[in-house]
Amino acid sequence: MANQFDIEKLINSGVIANELEYDRALVADRKLRILAKENNHFKELRIKLRNIIEQYERDQWTDINKISASKILESNKAEKIAELERQFIENRKLEIKKKLKMYDLKQENLSTILGHKSKTHMSELMNGIKPFTLRDLIIINQLLKIDMSVLVPVFLSQQDKSQINEIVKKLNKPKIKLQL
């Protein structure tokens, strides 16, 4: 699950590297705004994240002379990807909650089954603040009978897509294309 967004890694790095990270950070900020009302941990994360977002905006978007057409195109693509990821995470969360209710389980019970010690951590996983491990998703699949296509995101980074497209091009295999 290495290509999934992990807010703590971003906060630890202290820097947003590209438009996709920026849009993912904006999505995470909106989620943290809601979660911060209930938990100081999320409030602290949000403050740190907001500082990183503001620094990126100052560096990348305040000087109108630095904003090119390709920059705007990159931003638009990143925004679409981040929104698809947000929708995926929300749908996954709703499906897990539905199955938990069906089996008369609570999120806390699932946390215990997965071996997670804190409610906060489970909340971060469910809300996409931290990525589930593949082990977690396999357990959820087998325990709650949720199809893996609902649990496992199939998004590739722009870098991976570019590398794969370049290799396919070199192989001269025009019938092979990545699905968008």
Protein backbone atom coordinates (compact mmCIF):
# COMPACT_ATOMS: atom_id res chain seq x y z
CA MET A 1 0.00 0.00 0.00
CA ALA A 2 3.04 2.21 -0.46
CA ASN A 3 1.44 4.48 -3.04
CA GLN A 4 -1.30 5.55 -0.62
CA PHE A 5 -1.17 8.94 1.04
CA ASP A 6 0.06 8.91 4.63
CA ILE A 7 -0.43 12.23 6.36
CA GLU A 8 2.14 11.54 9.09
CA LYS A 9 4.86 10.88 6.50
CA LEU A 10 4.01 14.19 4.84
CA ILE A 11 4.06 16.02 8.16
CA ASN A 12 7.37 14.39 9.12
CA SER A 13 8.90 15.43 5.79
CA GLY A 14 7.59 18.97 6.34
CA VAL A 15 7.25 19.57 2.60
CA ILE A 16 4.65 19.03 -0.10
CA ALA A 17 6.49 17.80 -3.18
CA ASN A 18 3.88 18.17 -5.92
CA GLU A 19 0.31 19.07 -6.81
CA LEU A 20 -1.05 15.60 -6.05
CA GLU A 21 0.39 15.70 -2.53
CA TYR A 22 -1.06 19.20 -2.19
CA ASP A 23 -4.57 18.11 -3.19
CA ARG A 24 -4.34 15.03 -0.97
CA ALA A 25 -3.27 17.30 1.89
CA LEU A 26 -6.30 19.52 1.27
CA VAL A 27 -8.60 16.49 1.45
CA ALA A 28 -6.90 15.33 4.65
CA ASP A 29 -7.24 18.83 6.11
CA ARG A 30 -11.01 18.74 5.58
CA LYS A 31 -11.23 15.35 7.29
CA LEU A 32 -9.04 16.51 10.15
CA ARG A 33 -11.20 19.60 10.65
CA ILE A 34 -14.09 17.33 11.59
CA LEU A 35 -12.02 14.83 13.59
CA ALA A 36 -10.18 17.61 15.48
CA LYS A 37 -13.39 18.56 17.26
CA GLU A 38 -13.31 15.23 19.09
CA ASN A 39 -9.60 14.59 19.58
CA ASN A 40 -6.55 16.76 20.33
CA HIS A 41 -4.28 14.41 18.36
CA PHE A 42 -6.16 15.29 15.19
CA LYS A 43 -6.14 18.96 16.13
CA GLU A 44 -2.33 18.93 16.41
CA LEU A 45 -1.99 17.03 13.12
CA ARG A 46 -4.22 19.57 11.41
CA ILE A 47 -2.18 22.53 12.68
CA LYS A 48 1.03 20.97 11.37
CA LEU A 49 -0.61 20.06 8.08
CA ARG A 50 -2.06 23.56 7.62
CA ASN A 51 1.43 25.05 8.04
CA ILE A 52 2.82 22.77 5.32
CA ILE A 53 -0.11 23.53 3.00
CA GLU A 54 0.31 27.28 3.50
CA GLN A 55 4.05 27.05 2.79
CA TYR A 56 3.38 25.15 -0.47
CA GLU A 57 0.79 27.73 -1.53
CA ARG A 58 3.25 30.55 -0.83
CA ASP A 59 6.01 28.79 -2.78
CA GLN A 60 3.94 27.60 -5.75
CA TRP A 61 0.91 29.81 -6.20
CA THR A 62 1.55 33.38 -5.00
CA ASP A 63 3.82 34.53 -7.83
CA ILE A 64 1.57 34.81 -10.88
CA ASN A 65 4.64 34.74 -13.17
CA LYS A 66 5.48 31.21 -11.98
CA ILE A 67 2.03 29.81 -12.81
CA SER A 68 2.20 28.24 -16.26
CA ALA A 69 -0.46 26.48 -18.29
CA SER A 70 1.24 23.15 -17.56
CA LYS A 71 1.15 23.96 -13.83
CA ILE A 72 -2.60 24.56 -14.02
CA LEU A 73 -3.08 21.34 -16.01
CA GLU A 74 -1.04 19.41 -13.43
CA SER A 75 -3.15 20.96 -10.68
CA ASN A 76 -6.41 19.99 -12.41
CA LYS A 77 -5.27 16.38 -12.89
CA ALA A 78 -4.11 16.14 -9.28
CA GLU A 79 -7.42 17.51 -8.04
CA LYS A 80 -9.33 14.83 -9.98
CA ILE A 81 -7.10 12.04 -8.65
CA ALA A 82 -7.39 13.27 -5.06
CA GLU A 83 -11.18 13.42 -5.40
CA LEU A 84 -11.34 9.87 -6.78
CA GLU A 85 -9.23 8.69 -3.87
CA ARG A 86 -11.47 10.55 -1.41
CA GLN A 87 -14.56 8.93 -2.89
CA PHE A 88 -12.92 5.50 -2.76
CA ILE A 89 -11.99 5.90 0.91
CA GLU A 90 -15.46 7.17 1.79
CA ASN A 91 -17.13 4.24 -0.02
CA ARG A 92 -14.79 1.76 1.67
CA LYS A 93 -15.52 3.28 5.07
CA LEU A 94 -19.28 3.09 4.50
CA GLU A 95 -19.06 -0.53 3.34
CA ILE A 96 -16.97 -1.54 6.37
CA LYS A 97 -19.38 0.23 8.72
CA LYS A 98 -22.36 -1.44 7.04
CA LYS A 99 -20.80 -4.87 7.46
CA LEU A 100 -19.81 -4.16 11.05
CA LYS A 101 -23.41 -3.29 11.81
CA MET A 102 -24.63 -6.38 9.99
CA TYR A 103 -22.38 -8.59 12.15
CA ASP A 104 -23.18 -6.62 15.32
CA LEU A 105 -19.60 -5.41 15.68
CA LYS A 106 -18.23 -2.00 16.56
CA GLN A 107 -15.26 -0.23 15.03
CA GLU A 108 -13.48 -0.82 18.34
CA ASN A 109 -14.04 -4.59 17.94
CA LEU A 110 -12.49 -4.47 14.47
CA SER A 111 -9.55 -2.53 15.86
CA THR A 112 -8.96 -5.28 18.44
CA ILE A 113 -9.24 -8.01 15.79
CA LEU A 114 -6.71 -6.21 13.59
CA GLY A 115 -4.35 -5.83 16.55
CA HIS A 116 -4.55 -2.04 16.78
CA LYS A 117 -4.43 -0.65 20.29
CA SER A 118 -6.06 2.76 19.98
CA LYS A 119 -9.38 4.14 18.80
CA THR A 120 -7.48 7.05 17.28
CA HIS A 121 -5.44 4.77 15.04
CA MET A 122 -8.53 2.91 13.83
CA SER A 123 -10.24 6.22 13.13
CA GLU A 124 -7.22 7.34 11.10
CA LEU A 125 -7.39 4.14 9.05
CA MET A 126 -11.13 4.35 8.46
CA ASN A 127 -10.93 8.01 7.41
CA GLY A 128 -7.94 7.56 5.12
CA ILE A 129 -5.62 9.64 7.28
CA LYS A 130 -3.32 6.59 7.44
CA PRO A 131 -3.34 3.73 4.97
CA PHE A 132 -4.54 0.26 5.96
CA THR A 133 -1.90 -2.43 5.69
CA LEU A 134 -2.48 -5.20 3.16
CA ARG A 135 -2.80 -7.56 6.14
CA ASP A 136 -5.60 -5.40 7.59
CA LEU A 137 -7.47 -5.42 4.30
CA ILE A 138 -7.14 -9.19 3.88
CA ILE A 139 -8.52 -9.73 7.38
CA ILE A 140 -11.41 -7.35 6.68
CA ASN A 141 -12.08 -9.14 3.39
CA GLN A 142 -12.19 -12.57 4.98
CA LEU A 143 -13.94 -11.55 8.20
CA LEU A 144 -16.59 -9.19 6.85
CA LYS A 145 -16.91 -10.72 3.38
CA ILE A 146 -16.15 -7.46 1.58
CA ASP A 147 -14.85 -7.79 -1.95
CA MET A 148 -11.18 -6.81 -2.31
CA SER A 149 -12.04 -4.39 -5.10
CA VAL A 150 -13.92 -2.34 -2.49
CA LEU A 151 -11.02 -2.51 -0.03
CA VAL A 152 -7.87 -2.12 -2.11
CA PRO A 153 -7.21 1.12 -3.94
CA VAL A 154 -5.93 0.63 -7.46
CA PHE A 155 -4.47 4.08 -8.02
CA LEU A 156 -1.01 4.45 -9.49
CA SER A 157 1.21 7.43 -8.91
CA GLN A 158 1.80 9.73 -11.88
CA GLN A 159 5.45 8.66 -11.79
CA ASP A 160 4.49 4.96 -12.03
CA LYS A 161 2.08 5.69 -14.88
CA SER A 162 4.75 7.60 -16.79
CA GLN A 163 7.34 4.86 -16.29
CA ILE A 164 4.95 2.12 -17.39
CA ASN A 165 3.79 4.09 -20.43
CA GLU A 166 7.41 4.73 -21.39
CA ILE A 167 8.28 1.02 -21.10
CA VAL A 168 5.21 -0.02 -23.11
CA LYS A 169 6.15 2.53 -25.76
CA LYS A 170 9.72 1.12 -25.94
CA LEU A 171 8.31 -2.40 -26.20
CA ASN A 172 6.26 -1.20 -29.17
CA LYS A 173 3.06 -2.76 -27.88
CA PRO A 174 0.33 -0.26 -28.86
CA LYS A 175 -2.50 -2.59 -27.75
CA ILE A 176 -1.34 -2.37 -24.13
CA LYS A 177 -2.52 0.74 -22.29
CA LEU A 178 -3.07 1.69 -18.69
CA GLN A 179 -6.64 2.15 -17.60
CA LEU A 180 -7.32 5.61 -16.27
